[in-house]
Amino acid sequence: MNDLVTERELQFAIRLGVAVLCGMLIGLERESRKKPAGVSTHCFVIAGAALFTFLSAAIDPASPARIAAQVISGVGFLGAGMILKSDAGTVTNLTTAAAVWFAAAIGMAIGFGWYVIAVASSLFAVVVPRIPHLSTWGKDNDP
């Protein structure tokens, strides 16, 4: 490698690129359903979680989970802020909050360099919201 970019920095640049691609994939799915957290949110959550995890492993290789574990709680608070309850008692945005929390887990996988897990999980996050609700599974809904 040259003096301008170290191998570690190159590794992180690749991980950041994978994080952005995964964030775009999930974010586009959420935007296509007109949900509040879209491409930008998912890119930031995944890339941020990847950065915290990468730095955690670099700073303390013997105990990388210590810093990275805080990502889970922090993103949990972010997701909780997305959940809305109307005066009628209807709760909305649960799937979006879960997707943001799941995105952080994907970012952590990327931060540790587990690309196959991250990409497979991203595809899972895109497919699952498209599965029909189980209550209508197999029923003929035609009038």
C-alpha atoms as a PDB file:
ATOM      1  CA  MET A   1       0.000   0.000   0.000  1.00  0.00           C
ATOM      2  CA  ASN A   2       1.152   3.584  -0.380  1.00  0.00           C
ATOM      3  CA  ASP A   3       1.589   6.335   2.203  1.00  0.00           C
ATOM      4  CA  LEU A   4      -1.685   8.036   1.299  1.00  0.00           C
ATOM      5  CA  VAL A   5      -4.059   5.215   2.264  1.00  0.00           C
ATOM      6  CA  THR A   6      -3.378   2.477   4.788  1.00  0.00           C
ATOM      7  CA  GLU A   7      -4.737  -1.037   4.412  1.00  0.00           C
ATOM      8  CA  ARG A   8      -7.076  -0.437   7.357  1.00  0.00           C
ATOM      9  CA  GLU A   9      -8.466   2.714   5.723  1.00  0.00           C
ATOM     10  CA  LEU A  10      -8.994   0.854   2.467  1.00  0.00           C
ATOM     11  CA  GLN A  11     -10.813  -1.915   4.348  1.00  0.00           C
ATOM     12  CA  PHE A  12     -13.097   0.657   5.915  1.00  0.00           C
ATOM     13  CA  ALA A  13     -13.729   2.391   2.576  1.00  0.00           C
ATOM     14  CA  ILE A  14     -14.881  -0.943   1.135  1.00  0.00           C
ATOM     15  CA  ARG A  15     -17.083  -1.555   4.177  1.00  0.00           C
ATOM     16  CA  LEU A  16     -18.547   1.933   3.860  1.00  0.00           C
ATOM     17  CA  GLY A  17     -19.371   1.248   0.207  1.00  0.00           C
ATOM     18  CA  VAL A  18     -21.117  -2.017   1.105  1.00  0.00           C
ATOM     19  CA  ALA A  19     -22.979  -0.202   3.902  1.00  0.00           C
ATOM     20  CA  VAL A  20     -24.253   2.467   1.520  1.00  0.00           C
ATOM     21  CA  LEU A  21     -25.399  -0.152  -1.008  1.00  0.00           C
ATOM     22  CA  CYS A  22     -27.246  -2.133   1.670  1.00  0.00           C
ATOM     23  CA  GLY A  23     -28.765   1.069   3.079  1.00  0.00           C
ATOM     24  CA  MET A  24     -29.928   2.118  -0.373  1.00  0.00           C
ATOM     25  CA  LEU A  25     -31.496  -1.278  -1.000  1.00  0.00           C
ATOM     26  CA  ILE A  26     -33.503  -1.264   2.231  1.00  0.00           C
ATOM     27  CA  GLY A  27     -34.225   2.468   2.066  1.00  0.00           C
ATOM     28  CA  LEU A  28     -35.629   2.220  -1.450  1.00  0.00           C
ATOM     29  CA  GLU A  29     -37.990  -0.533  -0.310  1.00  0.00           C
ATOM     30  CA  ARG A  30     -39.220   1.632   2.586  1.00  0.00           C
ATOM     31  CA  GLU A  31     -39.584   4.711   0.354  1.00  0.00           C
ATOM     32  CA  SER A  32     -41.527   2.694  -2.227  1.00  0.00           C
ATOM     33  CA  ARG A  33     -44.055   2.019   0.544  1.00  0.00           C
ATOM     34  CA  LYS A  34     -44.087   5.724   1.513  1.00  0.00           C
ATOM     35  CA  LYS A  35     -42.613   5.069   4.955  1.00  0.00           C
ATOM     36  CA  PRO A  36     -40.843   7.769   7.013  1.00  0.00           C
ATOM     37  CA  ALA A  37     -37.345   6.224   7.100  1.00  0.00           C
ATOM     38  CA  GLY A  38     -35.940   5.911   3.603  1.00  0.00           C
ATOM     39  CA  VAL A  39     -32.617   5.821   1.799  1.00  0.00           C
ATOM     40  CA  SER A  40     -30.819   8.519   3.801  1.00  0.00           C
ATOM     41  CA  THR A  41     -31.884   7.160   7.178  1.00  0.00           C
ATOM     42  CA  HIS A  42     -30.943   3.577   6.363  1.00  0.00           C
ATOM     43  CA  CYS A  43     -27.620   4.595   4.795  1.00  0.00           C
ATOM     44  CA  PHE A  44     -26.712   6.616   7.895  1.00  0.00           C
ATOM     45  CA  VAL A  45     -27.807   3.895  10.328  1.00  0.00           C
ATOM     46  CA  ILE A  46     -25.949   1.116   8.503  1.00  0.00           C
ATOM     47  CA  ALA A  47     -22.825   3.191   7.835  1.00  0.00           C
ATOM     48  CA  GLY A  48     -22.817   4.563  11.397  1.00  0.00           C
ATOM     49  CA  ALA A  49     -23.155   1.113  12.924  1.00  0.00           C
ATOM     50  CA  ALA A  50     -20.407  -0.157  10.606  1.00  0.00           C
ATOM     51  CA  LEU A  51     -18.123   2.720  11.635  1.00  0.00           C
ATOM     52  CA  PHE A  52     -18.725   2.210  15.371  1.00  0.00           C
ATOM     53  CA  THR A  53     -18.127  -1.523  15.004  1.00  0.00           C
ATOM     54  CA  PHE A  54     -15.016  -1.085  12.848  1.00  0.00           C
ATOM     55  CA  LEU A  55     -13.554   1.463  15.273  1.00  0.00           C
ATOM     56  CA  SER A  56     -14.476  -0.716  18.241  1.00  0.00           C
ATOM     57  CA  ALA A  57     -12.562  -3.652  16.760  1.00  0.00           C
ATOM     58  CA  ALA A  58      -9.618  -1.391  15.852  1.00  0.00           C
ATOM     59  CA  ILE A  59      -9.420   0.351  19.238  1.00  0.00           C
ATOM     60  CA  ASP A  60      -9.829  -2.734  21.412  1.00  0.00           C
ATOM     61  CA  PRO A  61      -9.320  -5.957  19.422  1.00  0.00           C
ATOM     62  CA  ALA A  62      -9.606  -8.036  22.607  1.00  0.00           C
ATOM     63  CA  SER A  63     -13.111  -6.725  23.365  1.00  0.00           C
ATOM     64  CA  PRO A  64     -14.714  -5.261  20.229  1.00  0.00           C
ATOM     65  CA  ALA A  65     -18.257  -5.831  21.473  1.00  0.00           C
ATOM     66  CA  ARG A  66     -17.975  -3.263  24.265  1.00  0.00           C
ATOM     67  CA  ILE A  67     -18.430  -0.168  22.094  1.00  0.00           C
ATOM     68  CA  ALA A  68     -20.419  -1.906  19.377  1.00  0.00           C
ATOM     69  CA  ALA A  69     -23.005  -3.121  21.910  1.00  0.00           C
ATOM     70  CA  GLN A  70     -24.009   0.468  22.604  1.00  0.00           C
ATOM     71  CA  VAL A  71     -25.128   0.803  18.977  1.00  0.00           C
ATOM     72  CA  ILE A  72     -28.001  -1.584  19.694  1.00  0.00           C
ATOM     73  CA  SER A  73     -29.409   0.591  22.502  1.00  0.00           C
ATOM     74  CA  GLY A  74     -28.838   3.857  20.681  1.00  0.00           C
ATOM     75  CA  VAL A  75     -30.601   2.730  17.541  1.00  0.00           C
ATOM     76  CA  GLY A  76     -33.375   1.249  19.680  1.00  0.00           C
ATOM     77  CA  PHE A  77     -34.118   4.760  20.948  1.00  0.00           C
ATOM     78  CA  LEU A  78     -34.077   6.083  17.389  1.00  0.00           C
ATOM     79  CA  GLY A  79     -36.561   3.414  16.327  1.00  0.00           C
ATOM     80  CA  ALA A  80     -38.781   4.051  19.354  1.00  0.00           C
ATOM     81  CA  GLY A  81     -39.082   7.674  18.265  1.00  0.00           C
ATOM     82  CA  MET A  82     -40.546   6.542  14.942  1.00  0.00           C
ATOM     83  CA  ILE A  83     -43.417   4.578  16.461  1.00  0.00           C
ATOM     84  CA  LEU A  84     -46.647   6.561  16.561  1.00  0.00           C
ATOM     85  CA  LYS A  85     -49.857   5.895  18.452  1.00  0.00           C
ATOM     86  CA  SER A  86     -53.016   7.737  17.450  1.00  0.00           C
ATOM     87  CA  ASP A  87     -55.742   8.894  19.831  1.00  0.00           C
ATOM     88  CA  ALA A  88     -57.790   5.949  18.551  1.00  0.00           C
ATOM     89  CA  GLY A  89     -55.063   3.578  19.765  1.00  0.00           C
ATOM     90  CA  THR A  90     -53.715   2.652  16.332  1.00  0.00           C
ATOM     91  CA  VAL A  91     -49.970   2.010  16.357  1.00  0.00           C
ATOM     92  CA  THR A  92     -48.009   2.758  13.172  1.00  0.00           C
ATOM     93  CA  ASN A  93     -44.429   2.551  11.910  1.00  0.00           C
ATOM     94  CA  LEU A  94     -43.514  -0.598  13.850  1.00  0.00           C
ATOM     95  CA  THR A  95     -42.037  -2.230  10.745  1.00  0.00           C
ATOM     96  CA  THR A  96     -40.056   0.921   9.939  1.00  0.00           C
ATOM     97  CA  ALA A  97     -38.672   1.051  13.493  1.00  0.00           C
ATOM     98  CA  ALA A  98     -37.763  -2.632  13.291  1.00  0.00           C
ATOM     99  CA  ALA A  99     -36.140  -2.083   9.884  1.00  0.00           C
ATOM    100  CA  VAL A 100     -33.940   0.689  11.315  1.00  0.00           C
ATOM    101  CA  TRP A 101     -32.924  -1.528  14.243  1.00  0.00           C
ATOM    102  CA  PHE A 102     -32.255  -4.416  11.834  1.00  0.00           C
ATOM    103  CA  ALA A 103     -30.238  -2.020   9.641  1.00  0.00           C
ATOM    104  CA  ALA A 104     -27.944  -1.344  12.598  1.00  0.00           C
ATOM    105  CA  ALA A 105     -27.329  -5.084  12.930  1.00  0.00           C
ATOM    106  CA  ILE A 106     -26.485  -5.201   9.222  1.00  0.00           C
ATOM    107  CA  GLY A 107     -24.072  -2.316   9.751  1.00  0.00           C
ATOM    108  CA  MET A 108     -22.412  -4.171  12.604  1.00  0.00           C
ATOM    109  CA  ALA A 109     -21.972  -7.240  10.378  1.00  0.00           C
ATOM    110  CA  ILE A 110     -20.352  -5.015   7.755  1.00  0.00           C
ATOM    111  CA  GLY A 111     -18.140  -3.411  10.407  1.00  0.00           C
ATOM    112  CA  PHE A 112     -16.802  -6.860  11.291  1.00  0.00           C
ATOM    113  CA  GLY A 113     -16.331  -7.670   7.584  1.00  0.00           C
ATOM    114  CA  TRP A 114     -19.142 -10.223   7.354  1.00  0.00           C
ATOM    115  CA  TYR A 115     -20.377  -9.204   3.907  1.00  0.00           C
ATOM    116  CA  VAL A 116     -22.379 -12.329   3.016  1.00  0.00           C
ATOM    117  CA  ILE A 117     -24.372 -12.049   6.246  1.00  0.00           C
ATOM    118  CA  ALA A 118     -24.947  -8.340   5.602  1.00  0.00           C
ATOM    119  CA  VAL A 119     -26.095  -8.752   2.000  1.00  0.00           C
ATOM    120  CA  ALA A 120     -28.305 -11.763   2.818  1.00  0.00           C
ATOM    121  CA  SER A 121     -29.852  -9.822   5.706  1.00  0.00           C
ATOM    122  CA  SER A 122     -30.439  -6.807   3.455  1.00  0.00           C
ATOM    123  CA  LEU A 123     -32.268  -8.982   0.948  1.00  0.00           C
ATOM    124  CA  PHE A 124     -34.289 -10.443   3.819  1.00  0.00           C
ATOM    125  CA  ALA A 125     -35.212  -6.893   4.916  1.00  0.00           C
ATOM    126  CA  VAL A 126     -36.473  -6.113   1.414  1.00  0.00           C
ATOM    127  CA  VAL A 127     -38.442  -9.341   0.931  1.00  0.00           C
ATOM    128  CA  VAL A 128     -40.143  -9.726   4.326  1.00  0.00           C
ATOM    129  CA  PRO A 129     -42.279  -6.534   4.190  1.00  0.00           C
ATOM    130  CA  ARG A 130     -43.569  -7.686   0.800  1.00  0.00           C
ATOM    131  CA  ILE A 131     -44.939 -10.971   2.176  1.00  0.00           C
ATOM    132  CA  PRO A 132     -48.732 -10.769   2.592  1.00  0.00           C
ATOM    133  CA  HIS A 133     -50.085 -10.630   6.117  1.00  0.00           C
ATOM    134  CA  LEU A 134     -50.612 -14.093   7.569  1.00  0.00           C
ATOM    135  CA  SER A 135     -54.238 -13.318   8.434  1.00  0.00           C
ATOM    136  CA  THR A 136     -55.054 -13.143   4.720  1.00  0.00           C
ATOM    137  CA  TRP A 137     -52.659 -15.882   3.625  1.00  0.00           C
ATOM    138  CA  GLY A 138     -54.415 -18.272   1.253  1.00  0.00           C
ATOM    139  CA  LYS A 139     -57.812 -16.579   1.491  1.00  0.00           C
ATOM    140  CA  ASP A 140     -59.677 -15.506  -1.608  1.00  0.00           C
ATOM    141  CA  ASN A 141     -60.193 -11.769  -1.144  1.00  0.00           C
ATOM    142  CA  ASP A 142     -62.097 -11.194  -4.387  1.00  0.00           C
ATOM    143  CA  PRO A 143     -65.624  -9.794  -3.843  1.00  0.00           C
END
